[in-house]
Amino acid sequence: MAAITAPLIAPYDPIQSVGPPLAPLWTDGHLLGTDGFGRDQVSGLLHGLGPIMFVSVGAVTLALLLGGSLGAVSGVAGGAADWLIMRAVDILMSFPLILAANLVLVALGSSTVNLMLVVAI
């Protein structure tokens, strides 16, 4: 809910400098303090929730659709289809995750949809 209502409930503009740089926690008017540029941390946190939730929900949905479909095909068909799907998953799991993520992002470019794909994989 906070992600949707961030522009209404955030105390400050997340981009604008509103206080002293690196103010500590519980500073007057800045619950989580400020960053090195004097921007309010609570406002930045609230405004960052929307994109994070969008990517997270999209990645989980994509993983559910892809994994569920492959699992259903593997379970129902069995035999050669099961063997082929399992070998593909074994190859995918043999790569270090950070390397695989970087390779996909380099090959496809950096965008929100590609980030969802990388997280889903």
PDB file of N, CA and C in Angstrom:
ATOM      1  N   MET A   1       0.816  -1.186   0.000  1.00  0.00           N
ATOM      2  CA  MET A   1       0.000   0.000   0.000  1.00  0.00           C
ATOM      3  C   MET A   1       0.867   1.260   0.000  1.00  0.00           C
ATOM      4  N   ALA A   2       1.992   1.197   0.725  1.00  0.00           N
ATOM      5  CA  ALA A   2       2.887   2.353   0.770  1.00  0.00           C
ATOM      6  C   ALA A   2       3.493   2.628  -0.593  1.00  0.00           C
ATOM      7  N   ALA A   3       3.710   1.571  -1.397  1.00  0.00           N
ATOM      8  CA  ALA A   3       4.283   1.756  -2.724  1.00  0.00           C
ATOM      9  C   ALA A   3       3.333   2.536  -3.628  1.00  0.00           C
ATOM     10  N   ILE A   4       2.042   2.302  -3.482  1.00  0.00           N
ATOM     11  CA  ILE A   4       1.050   2.975  -4.322  1.00  0.00           C
ATOM     12  C   ILE A   4       0.841   4.420  -3.875  1.00  0.00           C
ATOM     13  N   THR A   5       0.847   4.628  -2.576  1.00  0.00           N
ATOM     14  CA  THR A   5       0.553   5.958  -2.043  1.00  0.00           C
ATOM     15  C   THR A   5       1.808   6.761  -1.711  1.00  0.00           C
ATOM     16  N   ALA A   6       2.963   6.367  -2.211  1.00  0.00           N
ATOM     17  CA  ALA A   6       4.222   7.049  -1.880  1.00  0.00           C
ATOM     18  C   ALA A   6       4.190   8.553  -2.144  1.00  0.00           C
ATOM     19  N   PRO A   7       3.675   9.014  -3.284  1.00  0.00           N
ATOM     20  CA  PRO A   7       3.671  10.466  -3.485  1.00  0.00           C
ATOM     21  C   PRO A   7       2.810  11.219  -2.468  1.00  0.00           C
ATOM     22  N   LEU A   8       1.840  10.536  -1.887  1.00  0.00           N
ATOM     23  CA  LEU A   8       0.962  11.202  -0.919  1.00  0.00           C
ATOM     24  C   LEU A   8       1.519  11.174   0.496  1.00  0.00           C
ATOM     25  N   ILE A   9       2.206  10.084   0.867  1.00  0.00           N
ATOM     26  CA  ILE A   9       2.632   9.954   2.263  1.00  0.00           C
ATOM     27  C   ILE A   9       4.105  10.272   2.484  1.00  0.00           C
ATOM     28  N   ALA A  10       4.904  10.390   1.421  1.00  0.00           N
ATOM     29  CA  ALA A  10       6.323  10.725   1.589  1.00  0.00           C
ATOM     30  C   ALA A  10       6.439  12.159   2.085  1.00  0.00           C
ATOM     31  N   PRO A  11       7.246  12.377   3.123  1.00  0.00           N
ATOM     32  CA  PRO A  11       7.330  13.725   3.684  1.00  0.00           C
ATOM     33  C   PRO A  11       8.008  14.748   2.776  1.00  0.00           C
ATOM     34  N   TYR A  12       8.929  14.294   1.909  1.00  0.00           N
ATOM     35  CA  TYR A  12       9.672  15.212   1.053  1.00  0.00           C
ATOM     36  C   TYR A  12       9.794  14.635  -0.353  1.00  0.00           C
ATOM     37  N   ASP A  13      10.278  15.466  -1.263  1.00  0.00           N
ATOM     38  CA  ASP A  13      10.616  15.010  -2.603  1.00  0.00           C
ATOM     39  C   ASP A  13      11.893  14.177  -2.482  1.00  0.00           C
ATOM     40  N   PRO A  14      11.921  12.948  -3.037  1.00  0.00           N
ATOM     41  CA  PRO A  14      13.090  12.094  -2.844  1.00  0.00           C
ATOM     42  C   PRO A  14      14.344  12.554  -3.583  1.00  0.00           C
ATOM     43  N   ILE A  15      14.216  13.491  -4.507  1.00  0.00           N
ATOM     44  CA  ILE A  15      15.352  13.949  -5.298  1.00  0.00           C
ATOM     45  C   ILE A  15      15.931  15.248  -4.753  1.00  0.00           C
ATOM     46  N   GLN A  16      15.132  16.007  -4.034  1.00  0.00           N
ATOM     47  CA  GLN A  16      15.533  17.329  -3.576  1.00  0.00           C
ATOM     48  C   GLN A  16      16.270  17.260  -2.245  1.00  0.00           C
ATOM     49  N   SER A  17      17.309  18.062  -2.109  1.00  0.00           N
ATOM     50  CA  SER A  17      18.055  18.163  -0.852  1.00  0.00           C
ATOM     51  C   SER A  17      17.214  18.947   0.150  1.00  0.00           C
ATOM     52  N   VAL A  18      16.948  18.333   1.321  1.00  0.00           N
ATOM     53  CA  VAL A  18      16.056  18.975   2.283  1.00  0.00           C
ATOM     54  C   VAL A  18      16.675  19.103   3.673  1.00  0.00           C
ATOM     55  N   GLY A  19      17.884  18.658   3.842  1.00  0.00           N
ATOM     56  CA  GLY A  19      18.500  18.728   5.161  1.00  0.00           C
ATOM     57  C   GLY A  19      20.007  18.659   5.056  1.00  0.00           C
ATOM     58  N   PRO A  20      20.668  18.625   6.193  1.00  0.00           N
ATOM     59  CA  PRO A  20      22.130  18.534   6.169  1.00  0.00           C
ATOM     60  C   PRO A  20      22.579  17.155   5.671  1.00  0.00           C
ATOM     61  N   PRO A  21      23.681  17.095   4.946  1.00  0.00           N
ATOM     62  CA  PRO A  21      24.159  15.795   4.470  1.00  0.00           C
ATOM     63  C   PRO A  21      24.514  14.863   5.629  1.00  0.00           C
ATOM     64  N   LEU A  22      24.191  13.591   5.460  1.00  0.00           N
ATOM     65  CA  LEU A  22      24.509  12.527   6.413  1.00  0.00           C
ATOM     66  C   LEU A  22      23.985  12.791   7.827  1.00  0.00           C
ATOM     67  N   ALA A  23      22.771  13.295   7.896  1.00  0.00           N
ATOM     68  CA  ALA A  23      22.142  13.477   9.205  1.00  0.00           C
ATOM     69  C   ALA A  23      21.842  12.097   9.788  1.00  0.00           C
ATOM     70  N   PRO A  24      22.053  11.894  11.083  1.00  0.00           N
ATOM     71  CA  PRO A  24      21.834  10.572  11.680  1.00  0.00           C
ATOM     72  C   PRO A  24      20.348  10.242  11.818  1.00  0.00           C
ATOM     73  N   LEU A  25      20.080   8.995  12.226  1.00  0.00           N
ATOM     74  CA  LEU A  25      18.706   8.566  12.481  1.00  0.00           C
ATOM     75  C   LEU A  25      18.049   9.471  13.508  1.00  0.00           C
ATOM     76  N   TRP A  26      16.744   9.594  13.402  1.00  0.00           N
ATOM     77  CA  TRP A  26      15.904  10.345  14.324  1.00  0.00           C
ATOM     78  C   TRP A  26      16.229  11.834  14.355  1.00  0.00           C
ATOM     79  N   THR A  27      16.879  12.342  13.312  1.00  0.00           N
ATOM     80  CA  THR A  27      17.088  13.781  13.219  1.00  0.00           C
ATOM     81  C   THR A  27      15.731  14.443  13.057  1.00  0.00           C
ATOM     82  N   ASP A  28      15.580  15.641  13.591  1.00  0.00           N
ATOM     83  CA  ASP A  28      14.298  16.340  13.564  1.00  0.00           C
ATOM     84  C   ASP A  28      13.771  16.443  12.134  1.00  0.00           C
ATOM     85  N   GLY A  29      12.641  15.800  11.853  1.00  0.00           N
ATOM     86  CA  GLY A  29      12.014  15.835  10.544  1.00  0.00           C
ATOM     87  C   GLY A  29      12.518  14.773   9.579  1.00  0.00           C
ATOM     88  N   HIS A  30      13.511  13.989   9.979  1.00  0.00           N
ATOM     89  CA  HIS A  30      14.082  12.957   9.100  1.00  0.00           C
ATOM     90  C   HIS A  30      14.230  11.673   9.914  1.00  0.00           C
ATOM     91  N   LEU A  31      13.212  10.838   9.859  1.00  0.00           N
ATOM     92  CA  LEU A  31      13.163   9.625  10.670  1.00  0.00           C
ATOM     93  C   LEU A  31      14.375   8.722  10.456  1.00  0.00           C
ATOM     94  N   LEU A  32      14.758   8.503   9.202  1.00  0.00           N
ATOM     95  CA  LEU A  32      15.921   7.664   8.898  1.00  0.00           C
ATOM     96  C   LEU A  32      17.145   8.487   8.522  1.00  0.00           C
ATOM     97  N   GLY A  33      17.132   9.756   8.812  1.00  0.00           N
ATOM     98  CA  GLY A  33      18.257  10.619   8.499  1.00  0.00           C
ATOM     99  C   GLY A  33      18.260  11.033   7.038  1.00  0.00           C
ATOM    100  N   THR A  34      19.422  11.511   6.588  1.00  0.00           N
ATOM    101  CA  THR A  34      19.590  11.933   5.202  1.00  0.00           C
ATOM    102  C   THR A  34      20.824  11.261   4.615  1.00  0.00           C
ATOM    103  N   ASP A  35      20.905  11.266   3.282  1.00  0.00           N
ATOM    104  CA  ASP A  35      22.070  10.688   2.616  1.00  0.00           C
ATOM    105  C   ASP A  35      23.152  11.743   2.450  1.00  0.00           C
ATOM    106  N   GLY A  36      24.179  11.420   1.672  1.00  0.00           N
ATOM    107  CA  GLY A  36      25.300  12.326   1.495  1.00  0.00           C
ATOM    108  C   GLY A  36      24.964  13.612   0.763  1.00  0.00           C
ATOM    109  N   PHE A  37      23.814  13.662   0.109  1.00  0.00           N
ATOM    110  CA  PHE A  37      23.388  14.875  -0.583  1.00  0.00           C
ATOM    111  C   PHE A  37      22.298  15.623   0.172  1.00  0.00           C
ATOM    112  N   GLY A  38      21.927  15.152   1.351  1.00  0.00           N
ATOM    113  CA  GLY A  38      20.898  15.809   2.145  1.00  0.00           C
ATOM    114  C   GLY A  38      19.481  15.411   1.775  1.00  0.00           C
ATOM    115  N   ARG A  39      19.305  14.329   1.045  1.00  0.00           N
ATOM    116  CA  ARG A  39      17.964  13.871   0.675  1.00  0.00           C
ATOM    117  C   ARG A  39      17.409  12.977   1.773  1.00  0.00           C
ATOM    118  N   ASP A  40      16.123  13.103   2.031  1.00  0.00           N
ATOM    119  CA  ASP A  40      15.466  12.339   3.088  1.00  0.00           C
ATOM    120  C   ASP A  40      15.419  10.861   2.728  1.00  0.00           C
ATOM    121  N   GLN A  41      15.853   9.990   3.647  1.00  0.00           N
ATOM    122  CA  GLN A  41      15.909   8.557   3.389  1.00  0.00           C
ATOM    123  C   GLN A  41      14.518   7.917   3.362  1.00  0.00           C
ATOM    124  N   VAL A  42      13.608   8.372   4.197  1.00  0.00           N
ATOM    125  CA  VAL A  42      12.251   7.809   4.206  1.00  0.00           C
ATOM    126  C   VAL A  42      11.559   8.072   2.871  1.00  0.00           C
ATOM    127  N   SER A  43      11.707   9.267   2.347  1.00  0.00           N
ATOM    128  CA  SER A  43      11.082   9.596   1.066  1.00  0.00           C
ATOM    129  C   SER A  43      11.667   8.748  -0.057  1.00  0.00           C
ATOM    130  N   GLY A  44      12.976   8.569  -0.053  1.00  0.00           N
ATOM    131  CA  GLY A  44      13.605   7.726  -1.065  1.00  0.00           C
ATOM    132  C   GLY A  44      13.150   6.280  -0.956  1.00  0.00           C
ATOM    133  N   LEU A  45      13.023   5.790   0.267  1.00  0.00           N
ATOM    134  CA  LEU A  45      12.572   4.417   0.499  1.00  0.00           C
ATOM    135  C   LEU A  45      11.141   4.225   0.001  1.00  0.00           C
ATOM    136  N   LEU A  46      10.263   5.154   0.324  1.00  0.00           N
ATOM    137  CA  LEU A  46       8.870   5.036  -0.101  1.00  0.00           C
ATOM    138  C   LEU A  46       8.722   5.117  -1.623  1.00  0.00           C
ATOM    139  N   HIS A  47       9.467   6.011  -2.256  1.00  0.00           N
ATOM    140  CA  HIS A  47       9.372   6.132  -3.709  1.00  0.00           C
ATOM    141  C   HIS A  47      10.045   4.966  -4.429  1.00  0.00           C
ATOM    142  N   GLY A  48      10.979   4.289  -3.790  1.00  0.00           N
ATOM    143  CA  GLY A  48      11.638   3.148  -4.396  1.00  0.00           C
ATOM    144  C   GLY A  48      10.844   1.855  -4.291  1.00  0.00           C
ATOM    145  N   LEU A  49       9.832   1.829  -3.438  1.00  0.00           N
ATOM    146  CA  LEU A  49       9.035   0.618  -3.264  1.00  0.00           C
ATOM    147  C   LEU A  49       8.257   0.223  -4.517  1.00  0.00           C
ATOM    148  N   GLY A  50       7.756   1.182  -5.254  1.00  0.00           N
ATOM    149  CA  GLY A  50       6.943   0.892  -6.441  1.00  0.00           C
ATOM    150  C   GLY A  50       7.695   0.083  -7.490  1.00  0.00           C
ATOM    151  N   PRO A  51       8.846   0.581  -7.960  1.00  0.00           N
ATOM    152  CA  PRO A  51       9.596  -0.189  -8.949  1.00  0.00           C
ATOM    153  C   PRO A  51      10.064  -1.552  -8.428  1.00  0.00           C
ATOM    154  N   ILE A  52      10.444  -1.620  -7.174  1.00  0.00           N
ATOM    155  CA  ILE A  52      10.890  -2.890  -6.602  1.00  0.00           C
ATOM    156  C   ILE A  52       9.742  -3.888  -6.569  1.00  0.00           C
ATOM    157  N   MET A  53       8.567  -3.455  -6.172  1.00  0.00           N
ATOM    158  CA  MET A  53       7.416  -4.357  -6.134  1.00  0.00           C
ATOM    159  C   MET A  53       7.024  -4.794  -7.545  1.00  0.00           C
ATOM    160  N   PHE A  54       7.108  -3.887  -8.509  1.00  0.00           N
ATOM    161  CA  PHE A  54       6.769  -4.218  -9.895  1.00  0.00           C
ATOM    162  C   PHE A  54       7.696  -5.309 -10.424  1.00  0.00           C
ATOM    163  N   VAL A  55       9.003  -5.137 -10.232  1.00  0.00           N
ATOM    164  CA  VAL A  55       9.974  -6.129 -10.707  1.00  0.00           C
ATOM    165  C   VAL A  55       9.802  -7.442  -9.954  1.00  0.00           C
ATOM    166  N   SER A  56       9.583  -7.387  -8.651  1.00  0.00           N
ATOM    167  CA  SER A  56       9.455  -8.605  -7.844  1.00  0.00           C
ATOM    168  C   SER A  56       8.221  -9.412  -8.238  1.00  0.00           C
ATOM    169  N   VAL A  57       7.091  -8.763  -8.327  1.00  0.00           N
ATOM    170  CA  VAL A  57       5.854  -9.469  -8.682  1.00  0.00           C
ATOM    171  C   VAL A  57       5.941 -10.002 -10.110  1.00  0.00           C
ATOM    172  N   GLY A  58       6.515  -9.225 -11.008  1.00  0.00           N
ATOM    173  CA  GLY A  58       6.680  -9.684 -12.389  1.00  0.00           C
ATOM    174  C   GLY A  58       7.606 -10.888 -12.486  1.00  0.00           C
ATOM    175  N   ALA A  59       8.703 -10.870 -11.724  1.00  0.00           N
ATOM    176  CA  ALA A  59       9.654 -11.979 -11.755  1.00  0.00           C
ATOM    177  C   ALA A  59       9.044 -13.247 -11.170  1.00  0.00           C
ATOM    178  N   VAL A  60       8.323 -13.120 -10.077  1.00  0.00           N
ATOM    179  CA  VAL A  60       7.689 -14.293  -9.468  1.00  0.00           C
ATOM    180  C   VAL A  60       6.615 -14.860 -10.395  1.00  0.00           C
ATOM    181  N   THR A  61       5.839 -14.000 -11.032  1.00  0.00           N
ATOM    182  CA  THR A  61       4.814 -14.463 -11.968  1.00  0.00           C
ATOM    183  C   THR A  61       5.441 -15.182 -13.159  1.00  0.00           C
ATOM    184  N   LEU A  62       6.507 -14.597 -13.704  1.00  0.00           N
ATOM    185  CA  LEU A  62       7.188 -15.221 -14.827  1.00  0.00           C
ATOM    186  C   LEU A  62       7.809 -16.554 -14.426  1.00  0.00           C
ATOM    187  N   ALA A  63       8.434 -16.616 -13.255  1.00  0.00           N
ATOM    188  CA  ALA A  63       9.020 -17.871 -12.783  1.00  0.00           C
ATOM    189  C   ALA A  63       7.948 -18.931 -12.566  1.00  0.00           C
ATOM    190  N   LEU A  64       6.811 -18.526 -12.044  1.00  0.00           N
ATOM    191  CA  LEU A  64       5.714 -19.464 -11.835  1.00  0.00           C
ATOM    192  C   LEU A  64       5.199 -20.011 -13.167  1.00  0.00           C
ATOM    193  N   LEU A  65       5.024 -19.136 -14.138  1.00  0.00           N
ATOM    194  CA  LEU A  65       4.534 -19.573 -15.444  1.00  0.00           C
ATOM    195  C   LEU A  65       5.540 -20.485 -16.153  1.00  0.00           C
ATOM    196  N   LEU A  66       6.801 -20.062 -16.182  1.00  0.00           N
ATOM    197  CA  LEU A  66       7.818 -20.874 -16.859  1.00  0.00           C
ATOM    198  C   LEU A  66       8.076 -22.185 -16.128  1.00  0.00           C
ATOM    199  N   GLY A  67       8.297 -22.099 -14.824  1.00  0.00           N
ATOM    200  CA  GLY A  67       8.584 -23.305 -14.041  1.00  0.00           C
ATOM    201  C   GLY A  67       7.403 -24.251 -13.988  1.00  0.00           C
ATOM    202  N   GLY A  68       6.224 -23.694 -13.830  1.00  0.00           N
ATOM    203  CA  GLY A  68       5.026 -24.542 -13.795  1.00  0.00           C
ATOM    204  C   GLY A  68       4.771 -25.232 -15.123  1.00  0.00           C
ATOM    205  N   SER A  69       4.969 -24.499 -16.210  1.00  0.00           N
ATOM    206  CA  SER A  69       4.772 -25.093 -17.537  1.00  0.00           C
ATOM    207  C   SER A  69       5.789 -26.194 -17.808  1.00  0.00           C
ATOM    208  N   LEU A  70       7.062 -25.913 -17.522  1.00  0.00           N
ATOM    209  CA  LEU A  70       8.092 -26.936 -17.736  1.00  0.00           C
ATOM    210  C   LEU A  70       7.875 -28.143 -16.833  1.00  0.00           C
ATOM    211  N   GLY A  71       7.483 -27.901 -15.588  1.00  0.00           N
ATOM    212  CA  GLY A  71       7.216 -29.011 -14.671  1.00  0.00           C
ATOM    213  C   GLY A  71       6.032 -29.849 -15.117  1.00  0.00           C
ATOM    214  N   ALA A  72       5.000 -29.190 -15.602  1.00  0.00           N
ATOM    215  CA  ALA A  72       3.821 -29.930 -16.074  1.00  0.00           C
ATOM    216  C   ALA A  72       4.147 -30.761 -17.306  1.00  0.00           C
ATOM    217  N   VAL A  73       4.877 -30.165 -18.249  1.00  0.00           N
ATOM    218  CA  VAL A  73       5.265 -30.913 -19.449  1.00  0.00           C
ATOM    219  C   VAL A  73       6.155 -32.090 -19.073  1.00  0.00           C
ATOM    220  N   SER A  74       7.109 -31.855 -18.191  1.00  0.00           N
ATOM    221  CA  SER A  74       8.019 -32.916 -17.771  1.00  0.00           C
ATOM    222  C   SER A  74       7.285 -34.034 -17.039  1.00  0.00           C
ATOM    223  N   GLY A  75       6.350 -33.677 -16.187  1.00  0.00           N
ATOM    224  CA  GLY A  75       5.616 -34.680 -15.425  1.00  0.00           C
ATOM    225  C   GLY A  75       4.624 -35.464 -16.254  1.00  0.00           C
ATOM    226  N   VAL A  76       3.956 -34.795 -17.174  1.00  0.00           N
ATOM    227  CA  VAL A  76       2.932 -35.464 -17.974  1.00  0.00           C
ATOM    228  C   VAL A  76       3.558 -36.271 -19.107  1.00  0.00           C
ATOM    229  N   ALA A  77       4.491 -35.664 -19.832  1.00  0.00           N
ATOM    230  CA  ALA A  77       5.074 -36.337 -20.991  1.00  0.00           C
ATOM    231  C   ALA A  77       6.060 -37.424 -20.582  1.00  0.00           C
ATOM    232  N   GLY A  78       6.926 -37.103 -19.605  1.00  0.00           N
ATOM    233  CA  GLY A  78       7.929 -38.079 -19.183  1.00  0.00           C
ATOM    234  C   GLY A  78       8.892 -38.409 -20.309  1.00  0.00           C
ATOM    235  N   GLY A  79       9.630 -39.468 -20.147  1.00  0.00           N
ATOM    236  CA  GLY A  79      10.515 -39.974 -21.190  1.00  0.00           C
ATOM    237  C   GLY A  79      11.525 -38.963 -21.681  1.00  0.00           C
ATOM    238  N   ALA A  80      11.583 -38.783 -23.003  1.00  0.00           N
ATOM    239  CA  ALA A  80      12.577 -37.913 -23.631  1.00  0.00           C
ATOM    240  C   ALA A  80      12.360 -36.445 -23.271  1.00  0.00           C
ATOM    241  N   ALA A  81      11.106 -36.031 -23.183  1.00  0.00           N
ATOM    242  CA  ALA A  81      10.828 -34.638 -22.818  1.00  0.00           C
ATOM    243  C   ALA A  81      11.321 -34.347 -21.407  1.00  0.00           C
ATOM    244  N   ASP A  82      11.078 -35.263 -20.481  1.00  0.00           N
ATOM    245  CA  ASP A  82      11.545 -35.115 -19.110  1.00  0.00           C
ATOM    246  C   ASP A  82      13.070 -35.060 -19.071  1.00  0.00           C
ATOM    247  N   TRP A  83      13.717 -35.951 -19.805  1.00  0.00           N
ATOM    248  CA  TRP A  83      15.170 -35.996 -19.828  1.00  0.00           C
ATOM    249  C   TRP A  83      15.738 -34.689 -20.384  1.00  0.00           C
ATOM    250  N   LEU A  84      15.155 -34.181 -21.471  1.00  0.00           N
ATOM    251  CA  LEU A  84      15.628 -32.952 -22.108  1.00  0.00           C
ATOM    252  C   LEU A  84      15.451 -31.746 -21.187  1.00  0.00           C
ATOM    253  N   ILE A  85      14.298 -31.642 -20.546  1.00  0.00           N
ATOM    254  CA  ILE A  85      14.047 -30.522 -19.630  1.00  0.00           C
ATOM    255  C   ILE A  85      14.997 -30.590 -18.447  1.00  0.00           C
ATOM    256  N   MET A  86      15.222 -31.778 -17.906  1.00  0.00           N
ATOM    257  CA  MET A  86      16.128 -31.913 -16.762  1.00  0.00           C
ATOM    258  C   MET A  86      17.558 -31.563 -17.139  1.00  0.00           C
ATOM    259  N   ARG A  87      18.013 -31.926 -18.332  1.00  0.00           N
ATOM    260  CA  ARG A  87      19.376 -31.569 -18.756  1.00  0.00           C
ATOM    261  C   ARG A  87      19.491 -30.056 -18.944  1.00  0.00           C
ATOM    262  N   ALA A  88      18.456 -29.421 -19.477  1.00  0.00           N
ATOM    263  CA  ALA A  88      18.474 -27.962 -19.636  1.00  0.00           C
ATOM    264  C   ALA A  88      18.544 -27.277 -18.270  1.00  0.00           C
ATOM    265  N   VAL A  89      17.800 -27.786 -17.305  1.00  0.00           N
ATOM    266  CA  VAL A  89      17.829 -27.212 -15.959  1.00  0.00           C
ATOM    267  C   VAL A  89      19.187 -27.472 -15.306  1.00  0.00           C
ATOM    268  N   ASP A  90      19.765 -28.642 -15.523  1.00  0.00           N
ATOM    269  CA  ASP A  90      21.092 -28.934 -14.985  1.00  0.00           C
ATOM    270  C   ASP A  90      22.141 -27.976 -15.540  1.00  0.00           C
ATOM    271  N   ILE A  91      22.064 -27.696 -16.843  1.00  0.00           N
ATOM    272  CA  ILE A  91      22.999 -26.747 -17.450  1.00  0.00           C
ATOM    273  C   ILE A  91      22.797 -25.354 -16.868  1.00  0.00           C
ATOM    274  N   LEU A  92      21.555 -24.946 -16.714  1.00  0.00           N
ATOM    275  CA  LEU A  92      21.256 -23.631 -16.142  1.00  0.00           C
ATOM    276  C   LEU A  92      21.773 -23.523 -14.711  1.00  0.00           C
ATOM    277  N   MET A  93      21.610 -24.581 -13.933  1.00  0.00           N
ATOM    278  CA  MET A  93      22.029 -24.550 -12.536  1.00  0.00           C
ATOM    279  C   MET A  93      23.543 -24.672 -12.363  1.00  0.00           C
ATOM    280  N   SER A  94      24.261 -25.101 -13.401  1.00  0.00           N
ATOM    281  CA  SER A  94      25.706 -25.259 -13.284  1.00  0.00           C
ATOM    282  C   SER A  94      26.447 -23.922 -13.376  1.00  0.00           C
ATOM    283  N   PHE A  95      25.813 -22.888 -13.918  1.00  0.00           N
ATOM    284  CA  PHE A  95      26.434 -21.574 -14.005  1.00  0.00           C
ATOM    285  C   PHE A  95      26.293 -20.832 -12.682  1.00  0.00           C
ATOM    286  N   PRO A  96      27.319 -20.083 -12.285  1.00  0.00           N
ATOM    287  CA  PRO A  96      27.135 -19.187 -11.129  1.00  0.00           C
ATOM    288  C   PRO A  96      26.041 -18.170 -11.455  1.00  0.00           C
ATOM    289  N   LEU A  97      25.162 -17.921 -10.509  1.00  0.00           N
ATOM    290  CA  LEU A  97      23.995 -17.071 -10.770  1.00  0.00           C
ATOM    291  C   LEU A  97      24.369 -15.664 -11.202  1.00  0.00           C
ATOM    292  N   ILE A  98      25.383 -15.086 -10.573  1.00  0.00           N
ATOM    293  CA  ILE A  98      25.734 -13.709 -10.923  1.00  0.00           C
ATOM    294  C   ILE A  98      26.304 -13.642 -12.339  1.00  0.00           C
ATOM    295  N   LEU A  99      27.037 -14.675 -12.752  1.00  0.00           N
ATOM    296  CA  LEU A  99      27.564 -14.716 -14.110  1.00  0.00           C
ATOM    297  C   LEU A  99      26.429 -14.859 -15.125  1.00  0.00           C
ATOM    298  N   ALA A 100      25.493 -15.747 -14.844  1.00  0.00           N
ATOM    299  CA  ALA A 100      24.355 -15.931 -15.742  1.00  0.00           C
ATOM    300  C   ALA A 100      23.529 -14.647 -15.844  1.00  0.00           C
ATOM    301  N   ALA A 101      23.315 -13.975 -14.725  1.00  0.00           N
ATOM    302  CA  ALA A 101      22.542 -12.731 -14.736  1.00  0.00           C
ATOM    303  C   ALA A 101      23.258 -11.666 -15.560  1.00  0.00           C
ATOM    304  N   ASN A 102      24.553 -11.543 -15.377  1.00  0.00           N
ATOM    305  CA  ASN A 102      25.305 -10.548 -16.152  1.00  0.00           C
ATOM    306  C   ASN A 102      25.302 -10.880 -17.637  1.00  0.00           C
ATOM    307  N   LEU A 103      25.430 -12.148 -17.987  1.00  0.00           N
ATOM    308  CA  LEU A 103      25.411 -12.530 -19.399  1.00  0.00           C
ATOM    309  C   LEU A 103      24.077 -12.204 -20.056  1.00  0.00           C
ATOM    310  N   VAL A 104      22.983 -12.485 -19.364  1.00  0.00           N
ATOM    311  CA  VAL A 104      21.661 -12.191 -19.924  1.00  0.00           C
ATOM    312  C   VAL A 104      21.469 -10.685 -20.076  1.00  0.00           C
ATOM    313  N   LEU A 105      21.880  -9.916 -19.076  1.00  0.00           N
ATOM    314  CA  LEU A 105      21.708  -8.465 -19.161  1.00  0.00           C
ATOM    315  C   LEU A 105      22.599  -7.851 -20.236  1.00  0.00           C
ATOM    316  N   VAL A 106      23.807  -8.402 -20.425  1.00  0.00           N
ATOM    317  CA  VAL A 106      24.672  -7.890 -21.484  1.00  0.00           C
ATOM    318  C   VAL A 106      24.094  -8.249 -22.853  1.00  0.00           C
ATOM    319  N   ALA A 107      23.588  -9.462 -22.984  1.00  0.00           N
ATOM    320  CA  ALA A 107      23.058  -9.903 -24.274  1.00  0.00           C
ATOM    321  C   ALA A 107      21.771  -9.173 -24.642  1.00  0.00           C
ATOM    322  N   LEU A 108      20.895  -8.955 -23.672  1.00  0.00           N
ATOM    323  CA  LEU A 108      19.588  -8.364 -23.970  1.00  0.00           C
ATOM    324  C   LEU A 108      19.508  -6.870 -23.700  1.00  0.00           C
ATOM    325  N   GLY A 109      20.454  -6.327 -22.953  1.00  0.00           N
ATOM    326  CA  GLY A 109      20.406  -4.919 -22.575  1.00  0.00           C
ATOM    327  C   GLY A 109      19.714  -4.751 -21.241  1.00  0.00           C
ATOM    328  N   SER A 110      19.940  -3.616 -20.614  1.00  0.00           N
ATOM    329  CA  SER A 110      19.359  -3.393 -19.287  1.00  0.00           C
ATOM    330  C   SER A 110      18.019  -2.671 -19.419  1.00  0.00           C
ATOM    331  N   SER A 111      16.979  -3.352 -18.985  1.00  0.00           N
ATOM    332  CA  SER A 111      15.644  -2.767 -18.934  1.00  0.00           C
ATOM    333  C   SER A 111      14.878  -3.463 -17.815  1.00  0.00           C
ATOM    334  N   THR A 112      13.734  -2.953 -17.490  1.00  0.00           N
ATOM    335  CA  THR A 112      12.939  -3.522 -16.410  1.00  0.00           C
ATOM    336  C   THR A 112      12.475  -4.931 -16.758  1.00  0.00           C
ATOM    337  N   VAL A 113      12.063  -5.148 -17.989  1.00  0.00           N
ATOM    338  CA  VAL A 113      11.593  -6.472 -18.409  1.00  0.00           C
ATOM    339  C   VAL A 113      12.738  -7.478 -18.368  1.00  0.00           C
ATOM    340  N   ASN A 114      13.922  -7.084 -18.829  1.00  0.00           N
ATOM    341  CA  ASN A 114      15.070  -7.987 -18.800  1.00  0.00           C
ATOM    342  C   ASN A 114      15.499  -8.287 -17.369  1.00  0.00           C
ATOM    343  N   LEU A 115      15.380  -7.310 -16.483  1.00  0.00           N
ATOM    344  CA  LEU A 115      15.674  -7.551 -15.072  1.00  0.00           C
ATOM    345  C   LEU A 115      14.694  -8.558 -14.483  1.00  0.00           C
ATOM    346  N   MET A 116      13.424  -8.450 -14.850  1.00  0.00           N
ATOM    347  CA  MET A 116      12.434  -9.440 -14.403  1.00  0.00           C
ATOM    348  C   MET A 116      12.793 -10.833 -14.903  1.00  0.00           C
ATOM    349  N   LEU A 117      13.218 -10.916 -16.148  1.00  0.00           N
ATOM    350  CA  LEU A 117      13.608 -12.205 -16.737  1.00  0.00           C
ATOM    351  C   LEU A 117      14.796 -12.804 -15.994  1.00  0.00           C
ATOM    352  N   VAL A 118      15.801 -11.991 -15.700  1.00  0.00           N
ATOM    353  CA  VAL A 118      16.984 -12.484 -14.989  1.00  0.00           C
ATOM    354  C   VAL A 118      16.620 -12.966 -13.592  1.00  0.00           C
ATOM    355  N   VAL A 119      15.812 -12.215 -12.886  1.00  0.00           N
ATOM    356  CA  VAL A 119      15.405 -12.628 -11.528  1.00  0.00           C
ATOM    357  C   VAL A 119      14.546 -13.869 -11.585  1.00  0.00           C
ATOM    358  N   ALA A 120      13.696 -13.978 -12.587  1.00  0.00           N
ATOM    359  CA  ALA A 120      12.846 -15.168 -12.717  1.00  0.00           C
ATOM    360  C   ALA A 120      13.662 -16.416 -13.008  1.00  0.00           C
ATOM    361  N   ILE A 121      14.669 -16.284 -13.850  1.00  0.00           N
ATOM    362  CA  ILE A 121      15.517 -17.433 -14.178  1.00  0.00           C
ATOM    363  C   ILE A 121      16.307 -17.839 -12.961  1.00  0.00           C
TER     364      ILE A 121
END
